[in-house]
C-alpha atoms as a PDB file:
ATOM      1  CA  ASP A   1     -71.831-118.959  58.094  1.00  0.00           C
ATOM      2  CA  ALA A   2     -70.147-121.529  55.948  1.00  0.00           C
ATOM      3  CA  THR A   3     -66.357-121.682  56.381  1.00  0.00           C
ATOM      4  CA  ALA A   4     -63.749-121.995  53.418  1.00  0.00           C
ATOM      5  CA  ALA A   5     -63.247-125.699  54.614  1.00  0.00           C
ATOM      6  CA  GLN A   6     -67.060-126.222  54.275  1.00  0.00           C
ATOM      7  CA  ILE A   7     -67.141-124.639  51.004  1.00  0.00           C
ATOM      8  CA  GLU A   8     -64.263-126.730  49.684  1.00  0.00           C
ATOM      9  CA  GLN A   9     -65.978-129.828  51.021  1.00  0.00           C
ATOM     10  CA  LEU A  10     -69.115-128.838  49.069  1.00  0.00           C
ATOM     11  CA  CYS A  11     -67.074-128.606  45.955  1.00  0.00           C
ATOM     12  CA  ARG A  12     -65.387-131.967  46.453  1.00  0.00           C
ATOM     13  CA  GLU A  13     -68.746-133.691  47.221  1.00  0.00           C
ATOM     14  CA  ALA A  14     -70.268-132.000  43.983  1.00  0.00           C
ATOM     15  CA  ILE A  15     -67.291-133.525  41.965  1.00  0.00           C
ATOM     16  CA  THR A  16     -67.528-136.915  43.573  1.00  0.00           C
ATOM     17  CA  HIS A  17     -71.165-137.305  42.929  1.00  0.00           C
ATOM     18  CA  GLY A  18     -71.400-135.645  39.564  1.00  0.00           C
ATOM     19  CA  PHE A  19     -73.714-132.802  40.492  1.00  0.00           C
ATOM     20  CA  GLY A  20     -74.531-130.125  37.949  1.00  0.00           C
ATOM     21  CA  ALA A  21     -73.442-127.230  39.910  1.00  0.00           C
ATOM     22  CA  VAL A  22     -72.592-125.729  43.452  1.00  0.00           C
ATOM     23  CA  CYS A  23     -74.807-122.740  44.379  1.00  0.00           C
ATOM     24  CA  VAL A  24     -72.966-120.304  46.752  1.00  0.00           C
ATOM     25  CA  ASN A  25     -73.226-116.735  47.805  1.00  0.00           C
ATOM     26  CA  SER A  26     -71.157-114.518  45.323  1.00  0.00           C
ATOM     27  CA  TYR A  27     -68.386-114.005  47.670  1.00  0.00           C
ATOM     28  CA  TRP A  28     -67.239-117.672  47.309  1.00  0.00           C
ATOM     29  CA  VAL A  29     -67.501-117.895  43.552  1.00  0.00           C
ATOM     30  CA  LYS A  30     -63.725-117.289  42.871  1.00  0.00           C
ATOM     31  CA  PHE A  31     -62.887-119.891  45.642  1.00  0.00           C
ATOM     32  CA  CYS A  32     -65.141-122.491  44.059  1.00  0.00           C
ATOM     33  CA  GLN A  33     -63.882-121.853  40.590  1.00  0.00           C
ATOM     34  CA  LYS A  34     -60.464-122.674  41.617  1.00  0.00           C
ATOM     35  CA  THR A  35     -61.547-125.691  43.639  1.00  0.00           C
ATOM     36  CA  LEU A  36     -63.548-127.019  40.652  1.00  0.00           C
ATOM     37  CA  ILE A  37     -60.900-126.642  38.005  1.00  0.00           C
ATOM     38  CA  GLY A  38     -60.710-129.775  35.786  1.00  0.00           C
ATOM     39  CA  SER A  39     -64.288-130.953  36.635  1.00  0.00           C
ATOM     40  CA  GLN A  40     -67.744-130.616  34.998  1.00  0.00           C
ATOM     41  CA  VAL A  41     -69.349-129.033  37.911  1.00  0.00           C
ATOM     42  CA  LYS A  42     -70.464-125.441  37.299  1.00  0.00           C
ATOM     43  CA  THR A  43     -70.550-122.643  39.767  1.00  0.00           C
ATOM     44  CA  ALA A  44     -73.868-120.626  40.394  1.00  0.00           C
ATOM     45  CA  ALA A  45     -73.957-117.503  42.340  1.00  0.00           C
ATOM     46  CA  THR A  46     -76.888-116.185  44.305  1.00  0.00           C
ATOM     47  CA  ILE A  47     -77.703-112.544  43.603  1.00  0.00           C
ATOM     48  CA  GLY A  48     -79.574-110.191  46.092  1.00  0.00           C
ATOM     49  CA  PHE A  49     -79.822-113.147  48.378  1.00  0.00           C
ATOM     50  CA  PRO A  50     -81.853-114.071  50.365  1.00  0.00           C
ATOM     51  CA  LEU A  51     -84.250-111.100  50.638  1.00  0.00           C
ATOM     52  CA  GLY A  52     -84.078-109.740  47.072  1.00  0.00           C
ATOM     53  CA  ALA A  53     -84.436-106.124  48.492  1.00  0.00           C
ATOM     54  CA  ALA A  54     -81.186-104.904  47.222  1.00  0.00           C
ATOM     55  CA  SER A  55     -81.339-102.105  44.534  1.00  0.00           C
ATOM     56  CA  SER A  56     -81.485-103.265  40.822  1.00  0.00           C
ATOM     57  CA  LYS A  57     -78.198-101.610  40.273  1.00  0.00           C
ATOM     58  CA  ALA A  58     -76.585-103.507  43.144  1.00  0.00           C
ATOM     59  CA  LYS A  59     -77.966-106.797  41.834  1.00  0.00           C
ATOM     60  CA  ARG A  60     -76.623-106.136  38.385  1.00  0.00           C
ATOM     61  CA  ALA A  61     -73.192-105.065  39.690  1.00  0.00           C
ATOM     62  CA  GLU A  62     -73.191-108.292  41.903  1.00  0.00           C
ATOM     63  CA  THR A  63     -73.985-110.334  38.799  1.00  0.00           C
ATOM     64  CA  LYS A  64     -71.230-108.719  36.734  1.00  0.00           C
ATOM     65  CA  ARG A  65     -68.605-109.383  39.553  1.00  0.00           C
ATOM     66  CA  ALA A  66     -69.946-113.113  39.980  1.00  0.00           C
ATOM     67  CA  ILE A  67     -69.484-113.743  36.375  1.00  0.00           C
ATOM     68  CA  LYS A  68     -66.039-112.174  36.271  1.00  0.00           C
ATOM     69  CA  ASP A  69     -65.170-114.576  39.170  1.00  0.00           C
ATOM     70  CA  GLY A  70     -66.340-117.542  37.216  1.00  0.00           C
ATOM     71  CA  ALA A  71     -69.964-118.071  37.831  1.00  0.00           C
ATOM     72  CA  VAL A  72     -71.865-119.407  34.694  1.00  0.00           C
ATOM     73  CA  GLU A  73     -75.296-119.584  36.410  1.00  0.00           C
ATOM     74  CA  ILE A  74     -77.009-116.747  38.404  1.00  0.00           C
ATOM     75  CA  ASP A  75     -79.758-117.323  40.943  1.00  0.00           C
ATOM     76  CA  MET A  76     -81.326-113.967  41.638  1.00  0.00           C
ATOM     77  CA  VAL A  77     -84.182-113.132  44.222  1.00  0.00           C
ATOM     78  CA  ILE A  78     -86.934-110.839  42.910  1.00  0.00           C
ATOM     79  CA  ASN A  79     -87.987-107.754  44.827  1.00  0.00           C
ATOM     80  CA  VAL A  80     -90.835-109.370  46.757  1.00  0.00           C
ATOM     81  CA  GLY A  81     -92.024-106.250  48.377  1.00  0.00           C
ATOM     82  CA  GLU A  82     -92.480-104.511  45.072  1.00  0.00           C
ATOM     83  CA  LEU A  83     -94.421-107.538  43.462  1.00  0.00           C
ATOM     84  CA  LYS A  84     -96.734-107.483  46.583  1.00  0.00           C
ATOM     85  CA  SER A  85     -97.033-103.761  46.148  1.00  0.00           C
ATOM     86  CA  GLY A  86     -98.185-104.123  42.570  1.00  0.00           C
ATOM     87  CA  ASN A  87     -95.116-102.260  41.121  1.00  0.00           C
ATOM     88  CA  LEU A  88     -94.807-104.920  38.306  1.00  0.00           C
ATOM     89  CA  VAL A  89     -92.577-102.561  36.153  1.00  0.00           C
ATOM     90  CA  ALA A  90     -90.018-102.439  39.051  1.00  0.00           C
ATOM     91  CA  VAL A  91     -89.868-106.148  39.277  1.00  0.00           C
ATOM     92  CA  ALA A  92     -89.512-106.589  35.679  1.00  0.00           C
ATOM     93  CA  ARG A  93     -86.783-104.093  35.296  1.00  0.00           C
ATOM     94  CA  ASP A  94     -84.967-105.680  38.300  1.00  0.00           C
ATOM     95  CA  ILE A  95     -85.011-109.086  36.599  1.00  0.00           C
ATOM     96  CA  ARG A  96     -84.222-107.730  33.262  1.00  0.00           C
ATOM     97  CA  GLY A  97     -81.185-105.904  34.449  1.00  0.00           C
ATOM     98  CA  VAL A  98     -79.653-109.003  35.812  1.00  0.00           C
ATOM     99  CA  VAL A  99     -80.697-111.066  32.565  1.00  0.00           C
ATOM    100  CA  LEU A 100     -79.072-108.505  30.303  1.00  0.00           C
ATOM    101  CA  GLU A 101     -75.744-108.603  32.369  1.00  0.00           C
ATOM    102  CA  ALA A 102     -75.648-112.387  32.462  1.00  0.00           C
ATOM    103  CA  HIS A 103     -76.746-113.194  29.041  1.00  0.00           C
ATOM    104  CA  GLN A 104     -74.142-111.035  27.497  1.00  0.00           C
ATOM    105  CA  HIS A 105     -71.566-113.308  29.136  1.00  0.00           C
ATOM    106  CA  GLN A 106     -73.596-116.537  28.225  1.00  0.00           C
ATOM    107  CA  ALA A 107     -74.551-117.045  31.810  1.00  0.00           C
ATOM    108  CA  ILE A 108     -78.047-118.328  32.540  1.00  0.00           C
ATOM    109  CA  VAL A 109     -80.491-116.774  34.990  1.00  0.00           C
ATOM    110  CA  LYS A 110     -82.730-118.394  37.601  1.00  0.00           C
ATOM    111  CA  VAL A 111     -85.377-116.230  39.080  1.00  0.00           C
ATOM    112  CA  ILE A 112     -86.175-117.019  42.664  1.00  0.00           C
ATOM    113  CA  ILE A 113     -89.709-115.938  43.311  1.00  0.00           C
ATOM    114  CA  GLU A 114     -89.968-117.118  47.096  1.00  0.00           C
ATOM    115  CA  THR A 115     -93.283-118.931  46.638  1.00  0.00           C
ATOM    116  CA  CYS A 116     -93.973-119.244  50.478  1.00  0.00           C
ATOM    117  CA  LEU A 117     -94.575-115.413  50.588  1.00  0.00           C
ATOM    118  CA  LEU A 118     -96.806-115.231  47.581  1.00  0.00           C
ATOM    119  CA  THR A 119    -100.495-115.945  46.801  1.00  0.00           C
ATOM    120  CA  ASP A 120    -101.126-118.126  43.860  1.00  0.00           C
ATOM    121  CA  GLU A 121    -102.022-115.107  41.802  1.00  0.00           C
ATOM    122  CA  GLU A 122     -98.591-113.467  42.653  1.00  0.00           C
ATOM    123  CA  LYS A 123     -96.771-116.691  41.853  1.00  0.00           C
ATOM    124  CA  VAL A 124     -98.443-116.698  38.410  1.00  0.00           C
ATOM    125  CA  THR A 125     -97.482-112.983  37.891  1.00  0.00           C
ATOM    126  CA  ALA A 126     -93.985-113.556  38.974  1.00  0.00           C
ATOM    127  CA  CYS A 127     -93.518-116.340  36.557  1.00  0.00           C
ATOM    128  CA  LEU A 128     -94.994-114.338  33.638  1.00  0.00           C
ATOM    129  CA  ILE A 129     -92.630-111.409  34.484  1.00  0.00           C
ATOM    130  CA  ALA A 130     -89.639-113.621  34.595  1.00  0.00           C
ATOM    131  CA  MET A 131     -90.665-114.981  31.127  1.00  0.00           C
ATOM    132  CA  GLU A 132     -91.123-111.684  29.669  1.00  0.00           C
ATOM    133  CA  ALA A 133     -87.754-110.583  31.029  1.00  0.00           C
ATOM    134  CA  GLU A 134     -86.235-113.528  29.162  1.00  0.00           C
ATOM    135  CA  ALA A 135     -84.955-115.472  32.251  1.00  0.00           C
ATOM    136  CA  ASP A 136     -83.955-119.093  31.794  1.00  0.00           C
ATOM    137  CA  PHE A 137     -85.515-120.485  35.000  1.00  0.00           C
ATOM    138  CA  VAL A 138     -88.047-119.804  37.606  1.00  0.00           C
ATOM    139  CA  LYS A 139     -87.077-121.118  40.952  1.00  0.00           C
ATOM    140  CA  THR A 140     -89.399-121.764  43.952  1.00  0.00           C
ATOM    141  CA  SER A 141     -87.399-120.664  46.957  1.00  0.00           C
ATOM    142  CA  THR A 142     -84.320-119.492  48.649  1.00  0.00           C
ATOM    143  CA  GLY A 143     -84.560-122.004  51.464  1.00  0.00           C
ATOM    144  CA  PHE A 144     -84.091-118.962  54.004  1.00  0.00           C
ATOM    145  CA  SER A 145     -87.664-117.906  54.317  1.00  0.00           C
ATOM    146  CA  THR A 146     -90.779-119.471  55.855  1.00  0.00           C
ATOM    147  CA  GLY A 147     -91.083-122.579  53.572  1.00  0.00           C
ATOM    148  CA  GLY A 148     -89.521-124.344  50.522  1.00  0.00           C
ATOM    149  CA  ALA A 149     -90.675-126.058  47.404  1.00  0.00           C
ATOM    150  CA  THR A 150     -93.970-127.807  47.202  1.00  0.00           C
ATOM    151  CA  VAL A 151     -95.411-130.022  44.618  1.00  0.00           C
ATOM    152  CA  GLU A 152     -98.346-127.669  44.156  1.00  0.00           C
ATOM    153  CA  ASP A 153     -96.148-124.677  43.498  1.00  0.00           C
ATOM    154  CA  VAL A 154     -93.842-126.497  41.060  1.00  0.00           C
ATOM    155  CA  ALA A 155     -96.922-127.794  39.085  1.00  0.00           C
ATOM    156  CA  LEU A 156     -98.376-124.158  39.061  1.00  0.00           C
ATOM    157  CA  MET A 157     -95.063-122.560  37.842  1.00  0.00           C
ATOM    158  CA  ARG A 158     -94.574-125.319  35.031  1.00  0.00           C
ATOM    159  CA  SER A 159     -98.175-124.698  33.989  1.00  0.00           C
ATOM    160  CA  VAL A 160     -97.378-120.991  33.672  1.00  0.00           C
ATOM    161  CA  VAL A 161     -93.963-121.103  31.880  1.00  0.00           C
ATOM    162  CA  GLY A 162     -94.798-124.375  29.737  1.00  0.00           C
ATOM    163  CA  ASP A 163     -91.638-125.503  27.895  1.00  0.00           C
ATOM    164  CA  LYS A 164     -90.290-121.901  27.627  1.00  0.00           C
ATOM    165  CA  LEU A 165     -88.460-121.809  30.884  1.00  0.00           C
ATOM    166  CA  GLY A 166     -86.876-124.349  33.386  1.00  0.00           C
ATOM    167  CA  VAL A 167     -88.370-124.890  36.729  1.00  0.00           C
ATOM    168  CA  LYS A 168     -86.006-125.267  39.629  1.00  0.00           C
ATOM    169  CA  ALA A 169     -87.389-126.674  42.810  1.00  0.00           C
ATOM    170  CA  SER A 170     -85.510-125.704  45.902  1.00  0.00           C
ATOM    171  CA  GLY A 171     -85.816-125.564  49.752  1.00  0.00           C
ATOM    172  CA  GLY A 172     -86.772-128.531  51.852  1.00  0.00           C
ATOM    173  CA  ILE A 173     -85.921-131.312  49.511  1.00  0.00           C
ATOM    174  CA  ARG A 174     -84.351-133.675  51.635  1.00  0.00           C
ATOM    175  CA  SER A 175     -85.006-137.277  50.158  1.00  0.00           C
ATOM    176  CA  PHE A 176     -85.119-139.136  46.896  1.00  0.00           C
ATOM    177  CA  ASP A 177     -88.746-139.419  47.023  1.00  0.00           C
ATOM    178  CA  ASP A 178     -89.006-135.691  47.799  1.00  0.00           C
ATOM    179  CA  ALA A 179     -86.909-135.013  44.504  1.00  0.00           C
ATOM    180  CA  ILE A 180     -88.950-137.421  42.364  1.00  0.00           C
ATOM    181  CA  ARG A 181     -92.150-135.728  43.478  1.00  0.00           C
ATOM    182  CA  MET A 182     -90.863-132.473  42.284  1.00  0.00           C
ATOM    183  CA  VAL A 183     -89.575-133.836  38.899  1.00  0.00           C
ATOM    184  CA  ASP A 184     -92.936-135.388  38.387  1.00  0.00           C
ATOM    185  CA  ALA A 185     -94.733-132.157  39.124  1.00  0.00           C
ATOM    186  CA  GLY A 186     -92.536-130.401  36.422  1.00  0.00           C
ATOM    187  CA  ALA A 187     -89.192-129.366  37.841  1.00  0.00           C
ATOM    188  CA  ASN A 188     -86.164-130.027  35.612  1.00  0.00           C
ATOM    189  CA  ARG A 189     -83.572-128.912  38.252  1.00  0.00           C
ATOM    190  CA  ILE A 190     -83.295-129.769  41.887  1.00  0.00           C
ATOM    191  CA  GLY A 191     -81.549-127.497  44.429  1.00  0.00           C
ATOM    192  CA  ALA A 192     -80.704-129.199  47.690  1.00  0.00           C
ATOM    193  CA  SER A 193     -78.318-129.221  50.521  1.00  0.00           C
ATOM    194  CA  SER A 194     -79.131-133.041  50.911  1.00  0.00           C
ATOM    195  CA  GLY A 195     -77.830-133.948  47.589  1.00  0.00           C
ATOM    196  CA  ILE A 196     -75.569-136.784  48.770  1.00  0.00           C
ATOM    197  CA  ARG A 197     -78.435-138.323  50.730  1.00  0.00           C
ATOM    198  CA  ILE A 198     -80.642-138.086  47.695  1.00  0.00           C
ATOM    199  CA  VAL A 199     -78.286-139.934  45.424  1.00  0.00           C
ATOM    200  CA  GLU A 200     -77.450-142.509  47.892  1.00  0.00           C
ATOM    201  CA  GLU A 201     -81.079-143.301  48.377  1.00  0.00           C
ATOM    202  CA  GLU A 202     -81.489-143.638  44.684  1.00  0.00           C
ATOM    203  CA  LEU A 203     -78.608-146.067  44.581  1.00  0.00           C
ATOM    204  CA  GLN A 204     -80.208-148.148  47.446  1.00  0.00           C
ATOM    205  CA  GLN A 205     -83.457-148.308  45.550  1.00  0.00           C
ATOM    206  CA  GLU A 206     -81.838-149.477  42.290  1.00  0.00           C
ATOM    207  CA  ARG A 207     -80.053-152.242  44.181  1.00  0.00           C
END
């Protein structure tokens, strides 16, 4: 339910604090791109968000539109139901379609596996499929389901992908200490709506 004013504030805060990117629903990409002109902050678009249950064709079309509007990072949600059904070919094709669309425009893809809904075995499988599909990152969570990132899940994901993919911890990271724990577990990207609080706490600790 974010308003245009709130999205603009998000962009201004990202510029002020030097965040890597703003991550928004694909509808807001063009708006963010205009607001961020002249800054180093990138625009990331969520695809098939937050359920992942859109058709693969729709996800690819949404990716194409988001990139045309200015997104250089794509955060897509896997088809969780197909993964849990054991239809791994469908999951792989779903991811691969988005990766192919994004990579031909030099955009990176982060695959959200929604760890809170998966068994450890399913988490491993999802990471292996994302790696096989040549995604750039695996990401823990949308932040809209029953739970967010955990140290255990981040460590598991890093153990599976090694140094071949990035690991983004997202969902429920609300403090500097939370962020550090995720980094120590293997995350090299943090997704948080509490970014300002995190950097302010870091500055306080440095003093």
